[in-house]
Amino acid sequence: MYSLERNTPRCRIFWLDGKKFKTNLFLLFFELPLRRETATKTALLAEVLREGSKAYPDARRIATAAEEMYGALWDISIVKKGEKQLLVFSLETAKAVDTEESIGFLKALSSEPLVDHLGFPEAVVNRRKEIMARKLAALKDDKQDYARRRCLQEAAKGTPLEISADGYEEDLDEIDGKTLYDYYCKIVEHAPVKIFFCGDEGEKRKLTVFRKIFQGGEPLESLREVEQSTRQEPVFVRENTPMEQARLLLAFDTKAEWGKRSYGTMLVLNQLFGGDPDSLLFQNLRERDGLCYDIKSFSYPLTGLLFVQTGINVQDAKKSAKGILHELEKLGQDVVEEKKLEQAKTALLRQYRTIADQPWAMADFSVEQVLGEGERGLEPFLRRIRNVTAEEVSRMANKAVLKAIYLLSGQEVAKDEGK
């Protein structure tokens, strides 16, 4: 699906064949380890860099430049991929836009920031700290997403996975324009850079300009991976918040590894367990037993973690958790019927084949392959799914380890309250 076009110790450039699409897609990102002491700085950097650069010193001029490129879509964002925190610069333009103009726009945003004699302007930093603080506070408003985040934190205690790539509100006060600019300089000079271009093959050579911009050698200590320790015993956590429906999540470690045969097995296991309307959890806990309003299992990218999330009445939490564990146990004891196995694999293959028709999906899938050092391309990935056996699914279900049970529920309200 992708090819490695240009390679230096720091800057790697990848090309995705986009000749059938009407747009060109550019992704440039700095690859950083998730660390508690730097996560908030990196997240704030994305906010501050959106404010402008030397070439486009304010948001209005950035918007004007994008409009002049036939309404190009751009963003600077933070993405969490496994144990990595990515500082991403993205740009999607019509093919009528000159590639060199697009590259110049990306270059300005990523490597030519707006600074004063001390660093990032304090007015800009303070304004963006306020915006970021509001965004972090608002994360709790989406109860489903908040519950997923909290369950991941508990399941991944002692590893970089528990760290929030969006940062922490309590860390913002310690950051000023100078310290943030010093941190930015370390990233630009030392962090690994990866660039993905989805467009016509004849244009890809123009991206080699980034090799000259991002030169350098070994990452600094603050940009290296850190040692980790994983908690062995499962944990139960309950939180209360005003809400009508409780959210129950269970996290399992399947021991699957990205880029290995086991990862394909986990995807098939997930499909059979709770990833499909015909899955065991949906058919048995929701349809047959009526224990939940909704239920679904899902895997976490680049890891062997498998989650089950369900909406329940709080009084059904214990019974629902037991039911989920029972269904996984049954999957581990009984060999899956061949017909159901083939249906699960067919559904997965159909889902992944649509990636080739969407430039953003192609890029996202390829980024995960590069970060996980897995197969090069979609077909080897699909082949692993096709080769999964019923015995492999049962073995994985049998060996899956419960890591966390997380319950988010509303406070109990007295019947006569408000009277």
Protein backbone atom coordinates (compact mmCIF):
# COMPACT_ATOMS: atom_id res chain seq x y z
CA MET A 1 0.00 0.00 0.00
CA TYR A 2 2.92 2.34 0.65
CA SER A 3 6.52 2.54 -0.43
CA LEU A 4 9.47 4.05 1.41
CA GLU A 5 10.78 6.67 -1.00
CA ARG A 6 13.47 8.54 0.84
CA ASN A 7 15.31 7.62 4.02
CA THR A 8 17.66 9.37 6.43
CA PRO A 9 18.28 8.52 10.10
CA ARG A 10 15.61 11.03 11.14
CA CYS A 11 13.34 11.77 8.19
CA ARG A 12 11.48 9.00 6.39
CA ILE A 13 9.20 9.77 3.43
CA PHE A 14 6.46 7.40 2.26
CA TRP A 15 4.35 7.44 -0.89
CA LEU A 16 0.79 6.16 -1.27
CA ASP A 17 -0.59 5.76 -4.78
CA GLY A 18 -3.31 8.41 -5.03
CA LYS A 19 -3.71 8.76 -8.76
CA LYS A 20 -7.40 7.74 -8.59
CA PHE A 21 -8.26 10.45 -6.04
CA LYS A 22 -9.15 14.07 -6.78
CA THR A 23 -7.00 15.42 -3.95
CA ASN A 24 -3.46 15.19 -2.64
CA LEU A 25 -2.98 14.32 1.02
CA PHE A 26 0.12 15.29 3.02
CA LEU A 27 0.84 14.09 6.55
CA LEU A 28 3.95 15.19 8.42
CA PHE A 29 4.42 14.16 12.02
CA PHE A 30 6.97 14.10 14.80
CA GLU A 31 7.04 10.71 16.53
CA LEU A 32 7.34 11.10 20.31
CA PRO A 33 7.16 8.63 23.19
CA LEU A 34 4.23 9.14 25.54
CA ARG A 35 5.68 10.54 28.75
CA ARG A 36 3.80 12.20 31.60
CA GLU A 37 6.31 15.07 31.86
CA THR A 38 6.06 16.04 28.17
CA ALA A 39 2.52 15.05 27.12
CA THR A 40 0.97 18.42 28.02
CA LYS A 41 3.76 20.41 26.35
CA THR A 42 3.31 18.48 23.11
CA ALA A 43 -0.47 18.93 23.19
CA LEU A 44 -0.09 22.67 23.89
CA LEU A 45 2.38 22.95 21.00
CA ALA A 46 -0.35 21.89 18.58
CA GLU A 47 -2.58 24.64 19.96
CA VAL A 48 0.11 27.35 19.77
CA LEU A 49 1.36 26.42 16.28
CA ARG A 50 -2.19 26.79 14.92
CA GLU A 51 -1.97 30.49 15.77
CA GLY A 52 0.51 31.30 13.01
CA SER A 53 4.00 31.14 11.59
CA LYS A 54 6.53 33.61 10.19
CA ALA A 55 4.93 33.40 6.76
CA TYR A 56 1.36 33.49 8.14
CA PRO A 57 1.56 35.44 11.41
CA ASP A 58 -2.07 35.02 12.45
CA ALA A 59 -5.01 32.67 12.00
CA ARG A 60 -6.64 34.94 9.43
CA ARG A 61 -3.63 34.80 7.11
CA ILE A 62 -3.37 31.03 7.45
CA ALA A 63 -7.04 30.78 6.48
CA THR A 64 -6.46 33.10 3.52
CA ALA A 65 -3.52 31.00 2.31
CA ALA A 66 -5.60 27.83 2.57
CA GLU A 67 -8.46 29.48 0.68
CA GLU A 68 -6.10 30.50 -2.10
CA MET A 69 -5.18 26.83 -2.48
CA TYR A 70 -8.77 26.17 -3.63
CA GLY A 71 -10.04 25.76 -0.08
CA ALA A 72 -7.36 23.37 1.18
CA LEU A 73 -8.06 21.58 4.46
CA TRP A 74 -5.30 21.72 7.07
CA ASP A 75 -4.83 20.95 10.73
CA ILE A 76 -2.23 20.60 13.47
CA SER A 77 -3.27 17.92 15.93
CA ILE A 78 -2.23 15.37 18.51
CA VAL A 79 -2.78 11.69 17.77
CA LYS A 80 -2.19 8.78 20.13
CA LYS A 81 -1.01 5.62 18.41
CA GLY A 82 -0.18 2.83 20.83
CA GLU A 83 2.55 4.15 23.11
CA LYS A 84 3.37 7.06 20.78
CA GLN A 85 2.24 10.68 20.84
CA LEU A 86 2.25 12.15 17.34
CA LEU A 87 2.39 15.88 16.60
CA VAL A 88 0.67 15.85 13.21
CA PHE A 89 0.57 18.48 10.44
CA SER A 90 -1.98 17.55 7.78
CA LEU A 91 -2.95 19.13 4.48
CA GLU A 92 -5.42 18.02 1.81
CA THR A 93 -5.53 19.97 -1.44
CA ALA A 94 -7.09 19.73 -4.87
CA LYS A 95 -4.68 18.30 -7.43
CA ALA A 96 -4.82 21.64 -9.25
CA VAL A 97 -2.71 23.07 -6.41
CA ASP A 98 1.01 23.00 -7.15
CA THR A 99 2.77 20.43 -4.96
CA GLU A 100 5.59 22.84 -4.17
CA GLU A 101 3.06 25.38 -2.88
CA SER A 102 1.58 22.72 -0.59
CA ILE A 103 5.03 21.75 0.64
CA GLY A 104 5.84 25.40 1.34
CA PHE A 105 2.65 25.71 3.41
CA LEU A 106 3.51 22.60 5.47
CA LYS A 107 7.11 23.76 5.87
CA ALA A 108 5.96 27.13 7.23
CA LEU A 109 3.61 25.58 9.79
CA SER A 110 5.99 22.87 11.01
CA SER A 111 9.42 24.49 11.01
CA GLU A 112 9.00 28.28 10.87
CA PRO A 113 6.91 29.21 13.93
CA LEU A 114 5.94 32.66 15.06
CA VAL A 115 8.29 33.69 17.90
CA ASP A 116 9.54 36.82 19.62
CA HIS A 117 12.96 37.40 21.21
CA LEU A 118 12.19 35.03 24.12
CA GLY A 119 10.17 32.28 22.47
CA PHE A 120 6.52 31.83 21.65
CA PRO A 121 4.60 35.07 22.37
CA GLU A 122 3.18 34.93 25.89
CA ALA A 123 -0.18 36.34 24.76
CA VAL A 124 -0.55 33.48 22.27
CA VAL A 125 0.53 30.84 24.78
CA ASN A 126 -1.82 32.13 27.50
CA ARG A 127 -4.76 32.30 25.10
CA ARG A 128 -4.14 28.75 23.90
CA LYS A 129 -3.68 27.48 27.47
CA GLU A 130 -7.16 28.76 28.26
CA ILE A 131 -8.59 27.08 25.16
CA MET A 132 -6.82 23.83 25.98
CA ALA A 133 -8.04 23.91 29.59
CA ARG A 134 -11.65 24.20 28.35
CA LYS A 135 -11.13 21.31 25.92
CA LEU A 136 -9.71 19.08 28.65
CA ALA A 137 -12.59 19.92 30.98
CA ALA A 138 -15.06 19.13 28.19
CA LEU A 139 -13.65 15.62 27.71
CA LYS A 140 -15.78 14.43 30.62
CA ASP A 141 -18.97 15.49 28.84
CA ASP A 142 -18.84 12.56 26.43
CA LYS A 143 -19.49 9.75 28.90
CA GLN A 144 -18.74 6.90 26.50
CA ASP A 145 -15.40 8.36 25.45
CA TYR A 146 -14.51 9.30 29.02
CA ALA A 147 -15.27 5.77 30.22
CA ARG A 148 -13.04 4.30 27.48
CA ARG A 149 -10.19 6.60 28.46
CA ARG A 150 -10.47 5.75 32.14
CA CYS A 151 -10.64 2.02 31.54
CA LEU A 152 -7.54 2.22 29.34
CA GLN A 153 -5.71 4.15 32.07
CA GLU A 154 -6.54 1.48 34.65
CA ALA A 155 -5.78 -1.47 32.35
CA ALA A 156 -2.43 0.00 31.26
CA LYS A 157 -1.13 1.16 34.65
CA GLY A 158 2.64 1.41 34.67
CA THR A 159 2.94 1.74 30.88
CA PRO A 160 2.93 4.74 28.52
CA LEU A 161 -0.53 3.67 27.34
CA GLU A 162 -2.09 5.06 30.51
CA ILE A 163 -0.87 8.60 29.69
CA SER A 164 -3.30 10.97 28.01
CA ALA A 165 -1.98 12.36 24.73
CA ASP A 166 -4.33 15.33 25.19
CA GLY A 167 -2.34 16.51 28.20
CA TYR A 168 -3.30 17.45 31.75
CA GLU A 169 -4.92 20.68 32.92
CA GLU A 170 -2.84 20.79 36.12
CA ASP A 171 0.40 20.96 34.10
CA LEU A 172 -0.52 24.06 32.09
CA ASP A 173 0.46 26.62 34.75
CA GLU A 174 4.11 25.49 34.60
CA ILE A 175 4.47 26.20 30.88
CA ASP A 176 5.41 29.60 29.45
CA GLY A 177 6.44 30.82 26.02
CA LYS A 178 10.16 30.25 26.53
CA THR A 179 9.97 26.72 27.99
CA LEU A 180 7.53 25.68 25.29
CA TYR A 181 9.75 27.07 22.52
CA ASP A 182 12.82 25.34 23.99
CA TYR A 183 10.86 22.07 23.95
CA TYR A 184 9.74 22.72 20.36
CA CYS A 185 13.36 23.24 19.29
CA LYS A 186 14.34 19.89 20.80
CA ILE A 187 11.57 18.18 18.84
CA VAL A 188 12.47 19.85 15.53
CA GLU A 189 16.16 19.08 15.96
CA HIS A 190 15.98 15.55 17.34
CA ALA A 191 12.57 13.82 17.08
CA PRO A 192 11.98 11.25 14.29
CA VAL A 193 9.98 12.73 11.40
CA LYS A 194 7.71 10.75 9.10
CA ILE A 195 6.00 12.14 6.01
CA PHE A 196 3.23 10.46 4.04
CA PHE A 197 2.18 11.70 0.60
CA CYS A 198 -0.91 10.27 -1.09
CA GLY A 199 -0.86 11.58 -4.65
CA ASP A 200 0.61 11.09 -8.13
CA GLU A 201 3.90 9.24 -8.37
CA GLY A 202 5.57 11.97 -10.44
CA GLU A 203 5.22 14.46 -7.55
CA LYS A 204 6.70 12.42 -4.73
CA ARG A 205 10.33 13.40 -5.37
CA LYS A 206 9.50 17.01 -4.45
CA LEU A 207 9.10 16.03 -0.81
CA THR A 208 12.83 15.38 -0.46
CA VAL A 209 13.15 19.03 0.59
CA PHE A 210 12.11 17.92 4.08
CA ARG A 211 15.27 15.82 4.37
CA LYS A 212 17.29 19.04 4.40
CA ILE A 213 14.99 20.70 6.93
CA PHE A 214 14.95 17.86 9.44
CA GLN A 215 18.55 16.78 9.69
CA GLY A 216 20.18 15.55 12.87
CA GLY A 217 21.09 12.46 14.77
CA GLU A 218 20.18 10.63 17.94
CA PRO A 219 17.10 11.66 19.97
CA LEU A 220 17.65 13.39 23.30
CA GLU A 221 17.00 11.45 26.49
CA SER A 222 13.67 13.25 26.95
CA LEU A 223 12.54 11.93 23.56
CA ARG A 224 13.47 8.29 24.17
CA GLU A 225 11.29 5.40 25.29
CA VAL A 226 11.05 4.78 29.02
CA GLU A 227 11.05 1.56 30.99
CA GLN A 228 7.63 0.30 32.02
CA SER A 229 6.10 -2.06 34.52
CA THR A 230 2.71 -3.68 34.03
CA ARG A 231 0.37 -4.38 36.93
CA GLN A 232 -0.44 -8.09 37.10
CA GLU A 233 -3.64 -8.20 39.16
CA PRO A 234 -6.95 -7.04 37.65
CA VAL A 235 -8.52 -3.95 39.22
CA PHE A 236 -12.11 -2.84 39.76
CA VAL A 237 -12.82 0.90 39.65
CA ARG A 238 -16.15 2.67 40.09
CA GLU A 239 -16.78 6.38 39.52
CA ASN A 240 -19.96 8.35 39.95
CA THR A 241 -21.12 11.19 37.72
CA PRO A 242 -24.55 12.63 36.87
CA MET A 243 -25.91 10.41 34.08
CA GLU A 244 -29.01 8.34 33.37
CA GLN A 245 -27.27 5.21 32.11
CA ALA A 246 -24.25 3.44 33.60
CA ARG A 247 -21.25 2.50 31.45
CA LEU A 248 -19.47 -0.77 32.20
CA LEU A 249 -16.13 -1.62 30.59
CA LEU A 250 -13.90 -4.67 30.85
CA ALA A 251 -10.34 -4.73 29.51
CA PHE A 252 -8.49 -7.91 28.53
CA ASP A 253 -4.90 -8.52 27.45
CA THR A 254 -4.93 -11.06 24.62
CA LYS A 255 -1.11 -11.04 24.29
CA ALA A 256 -1.52 -10.33 20.56
CA GLU A 257 1.33 -8.46 18.84
CA TRP A 258 1.02 -6.03 15.96
CA GLY A 259 2.61 -7.34 12.79
CA LYS A 260 2.39 -10.95 14.00
CA ARG A 261 -0.10 -13.69 13.17
CA SER A 262 -1.62 -13.24 16.63
CA TYR A 263 -2.89 -9.76 15.72
CA GLY A 264 -5.10 -11.17 12.97
CA THR A 265 -6.37 -13.76 15.46
CA MET A 266 -7.34 -11.00 17.89
CA LEU A 267 -9.29 -9.16 15.20
CA VAL A 268 -11.27 -12.31 14.37
CA LEU A 269 -11.79 -13.02 18.08
CA ASN A 270 -13.13 -9.50 18.55
CA GLN A 271 -15.52 -9.90 15.61
CA LEU A 272 -16.96 -13.12 17.05
CA PHE A 273 -16.99 -11.89 20.65
CA GLY A 274 -18.63 -8.48 20.39
CA GLY A 275 -17.56 -6.62 17.26
CA ASP A 276 -20.60 -7.47 15.15
CA PRO A 277 -24.42 -7.44 15.57
CA ASP A 278 -24.29 -11.25 15.22
CA SER A 279 -21.64 -11.57 17.94
CA LEU A 280 -21.96 -13.56 21.17
CA LEU A 281 -22.21 -10.53 23.44
CA PHE A 282 -24.87 -8.78 21.36
CA GLN A 283 -26.99 -11.85 20.77
CA ASN A 284 -26.77 -13.31 24.27
CA LEU A 285 -26.40 -10.45 26.75
CA ARG A 286 -28.48 -7.86 24.91
CA GLU A 287 -31.01 -9.74 22.79
CA ARG A 288 -31.52 -12.90 24.87
CA ASP A 289 -30.94 -11.74 28.45
CA GLY A 290 -31.80 -8.02 28.08
CA LEU A 291 -28.95 -7.04 30.39
CA CYS A 292 -27.81 -3.98 28.46
CA TYR A 293 -28.92 -1.21 26.14
CA ASP A 294 -25.87 -1.60 23.93
CA ILE A 295 -22.75 -3.73 23.97
CA LYS A 296 -19.66 -3.90 21.79
CA SER A 297 -16.07 -5.12 21.95
CA PHE A 298 -13.14 -3.38 20.27
CA SER A 299 -9.36 -3.66 20.08
CA TYR A 300 -6.96 -0.82 20.90
CA PRO A 301 -4.63 0.11 17.99
CA LEU A 302 -1.12 -1.37 17.96
CA THR A 303 -1.70 -3.34 21.18
CA GLY A 304 -3.14 -6.66 22.30
CA LEU A 305 -5.75 -4.98 24.49
CA LEU A 306 -9.39 -5.93 23.90
CA PHE A 307 -12.22 -3.93 25.50
CA VAL A 308 -15.90 -4.58 26.06
CA GLN A 309 -18.13 -1.53 26.57
CA THR A 310 -21.79 -1.64 27.45
CA GLY A 311 -24.60 0.63 28.61
CA ILE A 312 -26.55 -0.84 31.52
CA ASN A 313 -28.74 -0.13 34.51
CA VAL A 314 -26.33 0.12 37.44
CA GLN A 315 -28.07 -2.68 39.34
CA ASP A 316 -27.20 -5.05 36.48
CA ALA A 317 -23.44 -4.32 36.60
CA LYS A 318 -22.38 -7.45 38.47
CA LYS A 319 -24.58 -9.75 36.40
CA SER A 320 -23.38 -8.12 33.14
CA ALA A 321 -19.70 -8.45 34.08
CA LYS A 322 -20.21 -12.13 34.91
CA GLY A 323 -22.05 -12.63 31.63
CA ILE A 324 -19.20 -11.08 29.62
CA LEU A 325 -16.63 -13.27 31.37
CA HIS A 326 -18.81 -16.32 30.81
CA GLU A 327 -19.12 -15.67 27.06
CA LEU A 328 -15.34 -15.29 26.73
CA GLU A 329 -14.84 -18.48 28.70
CA LYS A 330 -17.24 -20.34 26.39
CA LEU A 331 -15.36 -19.00 23.37
CA GLY A 332 -12.17 -20.40 24.86
CA GLN A 333 -13.66 -23.82 25.59
CA ASP A 334 -15.65 -24.50 22.43
CA VAL A 335 -14.18 -24.53 18.93
CA VAL A 336 -15.97 -21.93 16.79
CA GLU A 337 -18.25 -23.30 14.09
CA GLU A 338 -16.59 -23.06 10.69
CA LYS A 339 -19.53 -21.17 9.22
CA LYS A 340 -19.42 -18.49 11.93
CA LEU A 341 -15.65 -18.24 11.61
CA GLU A 342 -15.87 -17.66 7.87
CA GLN A 343 -18.64 -15.07 8.32
CA ALA A 344 -16.50 -13.16 10.83
CA LYS A 345 -13.46 -13.22 8.56
CA THR A 346 -15.50 -12.17 5.52
CA ALA A 347 -16.94 -9.19 7.41
CA LEU A 348 -13.45 -8.13 8.51
CA LEU A 349 -11.99 -8.47 5.03
CA ARG A 350 -14.82 -6.41 3.56
CA GLN A 351 -14.29 -3.72 6.19
CA TYR A 352 -10.54 -3.43 5.59
CA ARG A 353 -10.78 -3.53 1.79
CA THR A 354 -12.64 -0.20 1.86
CA ILE A 355 -9.39 1.39 3.07
CA ALA A 356 -8.03 1.38 -0.49
CA ASP A 357 -10.83 3.75 -1.58
CA GLN A 358 -10.21 6.44 1.06
CA PRO A 359 -6.98 8.48 1.17
CA TRP A 360 -7.27 9.28 4.89
CA ALA A 361 -7.95 5.64 5.76
CA MET A 362 -5.01 4.55 3.58
CA ALA A 363 -2.71 6.99 5.35
CA ASP A 364 -3.91 6.07 8.84
CA PHE A 365 -3.51 2.34 8.16
CA SER A 366 -0.04 2.87 6.69
CA VAL A 367 1.03 5.03 9.65
CA GLU A 368 0.08 2.20 12.01
CA GLN A 369 2.02 -0.29 9.90
CA VAL A 370 5.11 1.91 9.95
CA LEU A 371 4.90 2.61 13.69
CA GLY A 372 4.28 -1.04 14.46
CA GLU A 373 6.90 -2.23 11.99
CA GLY A 374 4.37 -4.67 10.60
CA GLU A 375 3.46 -5.84 7.11
CA ARG A 376 4.03 -3.49 4.20
CA GLY A 377 0.66 -3.15 2.57
CA LEU A 378 -2.95 -4.22 2.88
CA GLU A 379 -2.76 -7.64 1.22
CA PRO A 380 -0.28 -9.22 3.70
CA PHE A 381 -2.48 -7.89 6.51
CA LEU A 382 -5.63 -9.41 4.96
CA ARG A 383 -3.80 -12.69 4.38
CA ARG A 384 -3.20 -13.02 8.11
CA ILE A 385 -6.92 -12.61 8.74
CA ARG A 386 -7.84 -15.19 6.09
CA ASN A 387 -5.45 -17.74 7.64
CA VAL A 388 -6.86 -17.53 11.19
CA THR A 389 -8.17 -20.89 12.43
CA ALA A 390 -10.93 -21.72 14.91
CA GLU A 391 -8.37 -23.36 17.20
CA GLU A 392 -6.28 -20.16 17.30
CA VAL A 393 -9.34 -18.12 18.29
CA SER A 394 -10.21 -20.52 21.10
CA ARG A 395 -6.64 -20.57 22.42
CA MET A 396 -6.48 -16.78 22.50
CA ALA A 397 -9.86 -16.48 24.24
CA ASN A 398 -8.75 -19.07 26.79
CA LYS A 399 -5.49 -17.25 27.55
CA ALA A 400 -6.87 -13.69 27.58
CA VAL A 401 -6.19 -12.00 30.94
CA LEU A 402 -8.67 -9.65 32.62
CA LYS A 403 -6.89 -6.35 33.38
CA ALA A 404 -9.63 -4.00 34.57
CA ILE A 405 -13.34 -3.60 35.25
CA TYR A 406 -14.50 0.01 35.15
CA LEU A 407 -17.99 1.24 36.07
CA LEU A 408 -19.17 4.80 35.47
CA SER A 409 -22.59 5.41 36.98
CA GLY A 410 -24.93 8.16 38.13
CA GLN A 411 -25.55 9.02 41.75
CA GLU A 412 -28.57 7.32 43.24
CA VAL A 413 -31.48 9.77 43.49
CA ALA A 414 -34.11 9.55 46.20
CA LYS A 415 -37.66 9.09 44.94
CA ASP A 416 -38.92 12.14 46.81
CA GLU A 417 -36.08 14.43 45.70
CA GLY A 418 -37.31 17.81 44.58
CA LYS A 419 -40.72 17.46 46.20
